[in-house]
Amino acid sequence: MNARRLLLGDWTPWFRDGIDVLRVVLVIAMVAAFAAGEVAGGLALGFAAALALVARLVNLPRPYDFGFVLVLTLHALGEAFGWYDSLGWFDRVVHVVLPCLAAPVIYIGLARLDVLPDPRDDTHVRHYVGMAMVAFCIGMAVGGLWEIVEFSSDGLLDTALSEGNADTVGDLVADAVGSALGALLLVAWAVWGWGSVRRVTGVNTYEATEA
């Protein structure tokens, strides 16, 4: 295996690249957490592993795939090791980075289902504006749903995920920043025509969503 293939992937159908290895690490970490009796950490890692596996089916471009799986891993490890409580900055960083990457990923997934225009299609300025607006709303929806999960968990399971109104609003502000960055990233991806699927090693000028 040459260095290019080792770095960019297409090793085997089961393990395509290092990103797939990271997915397996998530699954192993989940099993280890449950085995150690860390139920909350195991659930967080299991949820992250499930989303990472779903992202694999979407056949994302490698930078998106890697970034999305990496931030899922950071979020799950933060829950498992208590970094949200011990590191004051960690929560805000995750609330910026997660919607920044999740919004374009979800947009691309919906484009795969022909619900939304694919970023690789020929578009005009008004289409880019619409694409950015939709991606921003997706990111904010993800952030808002998570705040509902925190509120519901605190009320039903007596957890302490939410630290009050100021914490919730601060999280939503961070979500808005991340969603805006994700929307700009998606538009830039479309404008420069970097493609919307995972490319095989080498030049792939004409790509299809089945590639």
C-alpha atoms as a PDB file:
ATOM      1  CA  MET A   1       0.000   0.000   0.000  1.00  0.00           C
ATOM      2  CA  ASN A   2       1.576   3.289  -1.107  1.00  0.00           C
ATOM      3  CA  ALA A   3       1.579   6.441   1.016  1.00  0.00           C
ATOM      4  CA  ARG A   4      -1.164   8.134  -1.036  1.00  0.00           C
ATOM      5  CA  ARG A   5      -3.545   5.223  -0.637  1.00  0.00           C
ATOM      6  CA  LEU A   6      -2.658   4.874   3.045  1.00  0.00           C
ATOM      7  CA  LEU A   7      -3.545   8.530   3.608  1.00  0.00           C
ATOM      8  CA  LEU A   8      -6.538   8.965   1.297  1.00  0.00           C
ATOM      9  CA  GLY A   9      -8.050   5.536   1.716  1.00  0.00           C
ATOM     10  CA  ASP A  10      -9.806   2.894  -0.369  1.00  0.00           C
ATOM     11  CA  TRP A  11      -8.013   0.153   1.573  1.00  0.00           C
ATOM     12  CA  THR A  12     -10.833  -2.413   1.515  1.00  0.00           C
ATOM     13  CA  PRO A  13     -14.641  -2.218   1.221  1.00  0.00           C
ATOM     14  CA  TRP A  14     -14.922  -2.792   4.993  1.00  0.00           C
ATOM     15  CA  PHE A  15     -12.171  -0.426   6.154  1.00  0.00           C
ATOM     16  CA  ARG A  16     -11.884   2.301   3.569  1.00  0.00           C
ATOM     17  CA  ASP A  17      -9.560   4.642   5.443  1.00  0.00           C
ATOM     18  CA  GLY A  18      -8.483   5.984   8.824  1.00  0.00           C
ATOM     19  CA  ILE A  19     -11.927   7.527   9.329  1.00  0.00           C
ATOM     20  CA  ASP A  20     -13.435   4.051   9.433  1.00  0.00           C
ATOM     21  CA  VAL A  21     -10.846   3.113  12.033  1.00  0.00           C
ATOM     22  CA  LEU A  22     -12.060   6.052  14.128  1.00  0.00           C
ATOM     23  CA  ARG A  23     -15.614   4.725  13.806  1.00  0.00           C
ATOM     24  CA  VAL A  24     -14.484   1.346  15.118  1.00  0.00           C
ATOM     25  CA  VAL A  25     -12.693   3.069  18.003  1.00  0.00           C
ATOM     26  CA  LEU A  26     -16.009   4.696  18.943  1.00  0.00           C
ATOM     27  CA  VAL A  27     -17.718   1.316  19.035  1.00  0.00           C
ATOM     28  CA  ILE A  28     -14.903  -0.201  21.116  1.00  0.00           C
ATOM     29  CA  ALA A  29     -14.995   2.760  23.509  1.00  0.00           C
ATOM     30  CA  MET A  30     -18.769   2.320  23.892  1.00  0.00           C
ATOM     31  CA  VAL A  31     -18.379  -1.363  24.786  1.00  0.00           C
ATOM     32  CA  ALA A  32     -15.577  -0.534  27.247  1.00  0.00           C
ATOM     33  CA  ALA A  33     -17.692   2.181  28.900  1.00  0.00           C
ATOM     34  CA  PHE A  34     -20.643  -0.169  29.407  1.00  0.00           C
ATOM     35  CA  ALA A  35     -18.305  -2.900  30.665  1.00  0.00           C
ATOM     36  CA  ALA A  36     -16.912  -0.440  33.224  1.00  0.00           C
ATOM     37  CA  GLY A  37     -20.419   0.448  34.376  1.00  0.00           C
ATOM     38  CA  GLU A  38     -20.347   3.951  32.862  1.00  0.00           C
ATOM     39  CA  VAL A  39     -23.871   3.904  31.453  1.00  0.00           C
ATOM     40  CA  ALA A  40     -24.067   7.624  30.601  1.00  0.00           C
ATOM     41  CA  GLY A  41     -20.696   7.552  28.858  1.00  0.00           C
ATOM     42  CA  GLY A  42     -21.617   4.353  27.031  1.00  0.00           C
ATOM     43  CA  LEU A  43     -24.856   5.879  25.774  1.00  0.00           C
ATOM     44  CA  ALA A  44     -23.051   9.019  24.581  1.00  0.00           C
ATOM     45  CA  LEU A  45     -20.429   6.963  22.781  1.00  0.00           C
ATOM     46  CA  GLY A  46     -23.084   4.659  21.313  1.00  0.00           C
ATOM     47  CA  PHE A  47     -25.080   7.609  19.978  1.00  0.00           C
ATOM     48  CA  ALA A  48     -21.930   9.087  18.426  1.00  0.00           C
ATOM     49  CA  ALA A  49     -20.990   5.726  16.892  1.00  0.00           C
ATOM     50  CA  ALA A  50     -24.476   5.339  15.379  1.00  0.00           C
ATOM     51  CA  LEU A  51     -24.337   8.813  13.799  1.00  0.00           C
ATOM     52  CA  ALA A  52     -20.821   8.126  12.515  1.00  0.00           C
ATOM     53  CA  LEU A  53     -22.027   4.933  10.834  1.00  0.00           C
ATOM     54  CA  VAL A  54     -24.989   6.763   9.284  1.00  0.00           C
ATOM     55  CA  ALA A  55     -22.591   9.408   7.957  1.00  0.00           C
ATOM     56  CA  ARG A  56     -20.626   6.618   6.261  1.00  0.00           C
ATOM     57  CA  LEU A  57     -23.728   5.635   4.290  1.00  0.00           C
ATOM     58  CA  VAL A  58     -24.111   9.209   3.031  1.00  0.00           C
ATOM     59  CA  ASN A  59     -20.749   8.820   1.272  1.00  0.00           C
ATOM     60  CA  LEU A  60     -19.519  12.250   2.323  1.00  0.00           C
ATOM     61  CA  PRO A  61     -16.458  14.032   0.941  1.00  0.00           C
ATOM     62  CA  ARG A  62     -13.492  13.025   3.105  1.00  0.00           C
ATOM     63  CA  PRO A  63     -12.953  16.388   4.861  1.00  0.00           C
ATOM     64  CA  TYR A  64     -16.618  16.509   5.910  1.00  0.00           C
ATOM     65  CA  ASP A  65     -16.592  12.859   6.928  1.00  0.00           C
ATOM     66  CA  PHE A  66     -13.455  13.217   9.026  1.00  0.00           C
ATOM     67  CA  GLY A  67     -14.556  16.471  10.659  1.00  0.00           C
ATOM     68  CA  PHE A  68     -18.019  15.141  11.492  1.00  0.00           C
ATOM     69  CA  VAL A  69     -16.736  11.887  13.017  1.00  0.00           C
ATOM     70  CA  LEU A  70     -14.034  13.774  14.919  1.00  0.00           C
ATOM     71  CA  VAL A  71     -16.446  16.239  16.512  1.00  0.00           C
ATOM     72  CA  LEU A  72     -18.837  13.397  17.387  1.00  0.00           C
ATOM     73  CA  THR A  73     -15.927  11.664  19.102  1.00  0.00           C
ATOM     74  CA  LEU A  74     -15.018  14.822  21.035  1.00  0.00           C
ATOM     75  CA  HIS A  75     -18.630  15.299  22.114  1.00  0.00           C
ATOM     76  CA  ALA A  76     -18.957  11.695  23.280  1.00  0.00           C
ATOM     77  CA  LEU A  77     -15.626  11.779  25.131  1.00  0.00           C
ATOM     78  CA  GLY A  78     -16.662  15.058  26.732  1.00  0.00           C
ATOM     79  CA  GLU A  79     -19.800  13.401  28.091  1.00  0.00           C
ATOM     80  CA  ALA A  80     -17.941  10.247  29.146  1.00  0.00           C
ATOM     81  CA  PHE A  81     -15.061  11.987  30.944  1.00  0.00           C
ATOM     82  CA  GLY A  82     -16.944  15.005  32.281  1.00  0.00           C
ATOM     83  CA  TRP A  83     -15.092  17.591  30.193  1.00  0.00           C
ATOM     84  CA  TYR A  84     -18.266  19.672  29.895  1.00  0.00           C
ATOM     85  CA  ASP A  85     -18.057  20.266  33.644  1.00  0.00           C
ATOM     86  CA  SER A  86     -14.295  20.370  34.166  1.00  0.00           C
ATOM     87  CA  LEU A  87     -13.349  22.474  31.114  1.00  0.00           C
ATOM     88  CA  GLY A  88     -15.254  25.739  30.982  1.00  0.00           C
ATOM     89  CA  TRP A  89     -14.537  26.383  27.290  1.00  0.00           C
ATOM     90  CA  PHE A  90     -15.315  22.872  26.026  1.00  0.00           C
ATOM     91  CA  ASP A  91     -19.099  23.250  25.889  1.00  0.00           C
ATOM     92  CA  ARG A  92     -19.010  26.432  23.814  1.00  0.00           C
ATOM     93  CA  VAL A  93     -16.447  25.036  21.378  1.00  0.00           C
ATOM     94  CA  VAL A  94     -18.544  21.917  20.741  1.00  0.00           C
ATOM     95  CA  HIS A  95     -21.678  24.033  20.308  1.00  0.00           C
ATOM     96  CA  VAL A  96     -19.894  25.987  17.541  1.00  0.00           C
ATOM     97  CA  VAL A  97     -18.125  23.112  15.788  1.00  0.00           C
ATOM     98  CA  LEU A  98     -20.940  20.532  15.886  1.00  0.00           C
ATOM     99  CA  PRO A  99     -23.585  22.566  13.968  1.00  0.00           C
ATOM    100  CA  CYS A 100     -20.851  23.923  11.693  1.00  0.00           C
ATOM    101  CA  LEU A 101     -20.228  20.385  10.453  1.00  0.00           C
ATOM    102  CA  ALA A 102     -23.623  18.802  11.107  1.00  0.00           C
ATOM    103  CA  ALA A 103     -25.592  21.334   9.037  1.00  0.00           C
ATOM    104  CA  PRO A 104     -23.714  20.678   5.746  1.00  0.00           C
ATOM    105  CA  VAL A 105     -23.662  16.937   6.426  1.00  0.00           C
ATOM    106  CA  ILE A 106     -27.433  16.815   6.930  1.00  0.00           C
ATOM    107  CA  TYR A 107     -27.916  19.036   3.869  1.00  0.00           C
ATOM    108  CA  ILE A 108     -25.835  16.655   1.732  1.00  0.00           C
ATOM    109  CA  GLY A 109     -27.782  13.696   3.134  1.00  0.00           C
ATOM    110  CA  LEU A 110     -31.079  15.329   2.169  1.00  0.00           C
ATOM    111  CA  ALA A 111     -29.642  16.104  -1.262  1.00  0.00           C
ATOM    112  CA  ARG A 112     -28.921  12.384  -1.638  1.00  0.00           C
ATOM    113  CA  LEU A 113     -32.656  11.806  -1.115  1.00  0.00           C
ATOM    114  CA  ASP A 114     -33.500  14.503  -3.712  1.00  0.00           C
ATOM    115  CA  VAL A 115     -35.157  16.602  -1.027  1.00  0.00           C
ATOM    116  CA  LEU A 116     -32.714  19.480  -1.606  1.00  0.00           C
ATOM    117  CA  PRO A 117     -30.525  20.523  -4.563  1.00  0.00           C
ATOM    118  CA  ASP A 118     -27.140  18.832  -4.623  1.00  0.00           C
ATOM    119  CA  PRO A 119     -24.193  21.225  -4.041  1.00  0.00           C
ATOM    120  CA  ARG A 120     -22.520  19.859  -7.171  1.00  0.00           C
ATOM    121  CA  ASP A 121     -25.386  21.022  -9.425  1.00  0.00           C
ATOM    122  CA  ASP A 122     -25.045  24.165 -11.536  1.00  0.00           C
ATOM    123  CA  THR A 123     -26.521  26.988  -9.491  1.00  0.00           C
ATOM    124  CA  HIS A 124     -26.913  30.768  -9.464  1.00  0.00           C
ATOM    125  CA  VAL A 125     -26.452  33.345  -6.712  1.00  0.00           C
ATOM    126  CA  ARG A 126     -30.048  33.034  -5.507  1.00  0.00           C
ATOM    127  CA  HIS A 127     -29.565  29.278  -5.153  1.00  0.00           C
ATOM    128  CA  TYR A 128     -26.470  29.813  -3.019  1.00  0.00           C
ATOM    129  CA  VAL A 129     -28.461  32.169  -0.783  1.00  0.00           C
ATOM    130  CA  GLY A 130     -31.186  29.560  -0.421  1.00  0.00           C
ATOM    131  CA  MET A 131     -28.626  26.845   0.255  1.00  0.00           C
ATOM    132  CA  ALA A 132     -27.035  28.950   2.997  1.00  0.00           C
ATOM    133  CA  MET A 133     -30.414  29.744   4.569  1.00  0.00           C
ATOM    134  CA  VAL A 134     -31.461  26.091   4.632  1.00  0.00           C
ATOM    135  CA  ALA A 135     -28.113  24.945   6.056  1.00  0.00           C
ATOM    136  CA  PHE A 136     -28.272  27.645   8.745  1.00  0.00           C
ATOM    137  CA  CYS A 137     -31.797  26.597   9.733  1.00  0.00           C
ATOM    138  CA  ILE A 138     -30.730  22.945   9.862  1.00  0.00           C
ATOM    139  CA  GLY A 139     -27.867  23.800  12.204  1.00  0.00           C
ATOM    140  CA  MET A 140     -30.141  25.852  14.462  1.00  0.00           C
ATOM    141  CA  ALA A 141     -32.713  23.047  14.475  1.00  0.00           C
ATOM    142  CA  VAL A 142     -30.048  20.604  15.642  1.00  0.00           C
ATOM    143  CA  GLY A 143     -28.989  22.991  18.409  1.00  0.00           C
ATOM    144  CA  GLY A 144     -32.565  23.691  19.453  1.00  0.00           C
ATOM    145  CA  LEU A 145     -33.468  20.006  19.571  1.00  0.00           C
ATOM    146  CA  TRP A 146     -30.452  19.313  21.749  1.00  0.00           C
ATOM    147  CA  GLU A 147     -31.558  21.997  24.227  1.00  0.00           C
ATOM    148  CA  ILE A 148     -34.983  20.316  24.352  1.00  0.00           C
ATOM    149  CA  VAL A 149     -33.258  16.999  25.052  1.00  0.00           C
ATOM    150  CA  GLU A 150     -31.287  18.588  27.900  1.00  0.00           C
ATOM    151  CA  PHE A 151     -34.409  20.194  29.392  1.00  0.00           C
ATOM    152  CA  SER A 152     -36.427  16.980  29.100  1.00  0.00           C
ATOM    153  CA  SER A 153     -33.631  14.871  30.559  1.00  0.00           C
ATOM    154  CA  ASP A 154     -33.273  17.172  33.555  1.00  0.00           C
ATOM    155  CA  GLY A 155     -37.011  17.036  34.214  1.00  0.00           C
ATOM    156  CA  LEU A 156     -37.602  13.332  33.603  1.00  0.00           C
ATOM    157  CA  LEU A 157     -34.314  11.711  34.608  1.00  0.00           C
ATOM    158  CA  ASP A 158     -33.107  14.258  37.177  1.00  0.00           C
ATOM    159  CA  THR A 159     -29.890  14.911  35.264  1.00  0.00           C
ATOM    160  CA  ALA A 160     -28.033  18.224  35.298  1.00  0.00           C
ATOM    161  CA  LEU A 161     -27.341  18.838  31.619  1.00  0.00           C
ATOM    162  CA  SER A 162     -28.721  22.366  31.570  1.00  0.00           C
ATOM    163  CA  GLU A 163     -27.245  24.956  33.928  1.00  0.00           C
ATOM    164  CA  GLY A 164     -30.030  27.490  33.591  1.00  0.00           C
ATOM    165  CA  ASN A 165     -31.381  30.049  31.157  1.00  0.00           C
ATOM    166  CA  ALA A 166     -28.065  31.839  30.622  1.00  0.00           C
ATOM    167  CA  ASP A 167     -26.366  28.556  29.715  1.00  0.00           C
ATOM    168  CA  THR A 168     -29.145  27.657  27.271  1.00  0.00           C
ATOM    169  CA  VAL A 169     -29.058  31.050  25.551  1.00  0.00           C
ATOM    170  CA  GLY A 170     -25.255  30.952  25.390  1.00  0.00           C
ATOM    171  CA  ASP A 171     -25.426  27.525  23.778  1.00  0.00           C
ATOM    172  CA  LEU A 172     -27.950  28.773  21.212  1.00  0.00           C
ATOM    173  CA  VAL A 173     -25.743  31.761  20.371  1.00  0.00           C
ATOM    174  CA  ALA A 174     -22.813  29.384  19.831  1.00  0.00           C
ATOM    175  CA  ASP A 175     -25.093  27.174  17.708  1.00  0.00           C
ATOM    176  CA  ALA A 176     -25.995  30.207  15.588  1.00  0.00           C
ATOM    177  CA  VAL A 177     -22.326  31.040  15.005  1.00  0.00           C
ATOM    178  CA  GLY A 178     -21.555  27.439  14.081  1.00  0.00           C
ATOM    179  CA  SER A 179     -24.595  27.176  11.817  1.00  0.00           C
ATOM    180  CA  ALA A 180     -23.592  30.362   9.968  1.00  0.00           C
ATOM    181  CA  LEU A 181     -20.054  29.040   9.497  1.00  0.00           C
ATOM    182  CA  GLY A 182     -21.430  25.713   8.273  1.00  0.00           C
ATOM    183  CA  ALA A 183     -23.705  27.486   5.797  1.00  0.00           C
ATOM    184  CA  LEU A 184     -20.778  29.515   4.428  1.00  0.00           C
ATOM    185  CA  LEU A 185     -18.656  26.368   4.202  1.00  0.00           C
ATOM    186  CA  LEU A 186     -21.351  24.565   2.231  1.00  0.00           C
ATOM    187  CA  VAL A 187     -21.734  27.478  -0.203  1.00  0.00           C
ATOM    188  CA  ALA A 188     -17.964  27.721  -0.649  1.00  0.00           C
ATOM    189  CA  TRP A 189     -17.899  23.974  -1.295  1.00  0.00           C
ATOM    190  CA  ALA A 190     -20.544  24.414  -3.989  1.00  0.00           C
ATOM    191  CA  VAL A 191     -19.031  27.557  -5.559  1.00  0.00           C
ATOM    192  CA  TRP A 192     -15.582  26.034  -5.971  1.00  0.00           C
ATOM    193  CA  GLY A 193     -17.013  22.730  -7.156  1.00  0.00           C
ATOM    194  CA  TRP A 194     -15.115  20.524  -4.745  1.00  0.00           C
ATOM    195  CA  GLY A 195     -17.657  17.749  -5.146  1.00  0.00           C
ATOM    196  CA  SER A 196     -20.253  16.271  -2.847  1.00  0.00           C
ATOM    197  CA  VAL A 197     -19.269  12.598  -2.653  1.00  0.00           C
ATOM    198  CA  ARG A 198     -16.309  10.645  -1.342  1.00  0.00           C
ATOM    199  CA  ARG A 199     -13.769  10.614  -4.155  1.00  0.00           C
ATOM    200  CA  VAL A 200     -11.681   7.573  -4.915  1.00  0.00           C
ATOM    201  CA  THR A 201      -7.917   7.946  -5.021  1.00  0.00           C
ATOM    202  CA  GLY A 202      -6.871   9.883  -8.085  1.00  0.00           C
ATOM    203  CA  VAL A 203      -8.675  12.371 -10.289  1.00  0.00           C
ATOM    204  CA  ASN A 204     -12.450  12.010 -10.476  1.00  0.00           C
ATOM    205  CA  THR A 205     -13.637  14.741 -12.811  1.00  0.00           C
ATOM    206  CA  TYR A 206     -17.156  13.469 -13.402  1.00  0.00           C
ATOM    207  CA  GLU A 207     -18.599  12.086 -10.204  1.00  0.00           C
ATOM    208  CA  ALA A 208     -21.972  10.564  -9.419  1.00  0.00           C
ATOM    209  CA  THR A 209     -23.702  10.290  -6.084  1.00  0.00           C
ATOM    210  CA  GLU A 210     -23.303   6.504  -6.362  1.00  0.00           C
ATOM    211  CA  ALA A 211     -19.479   6.853  -6.598  1.00  0.00           C
END
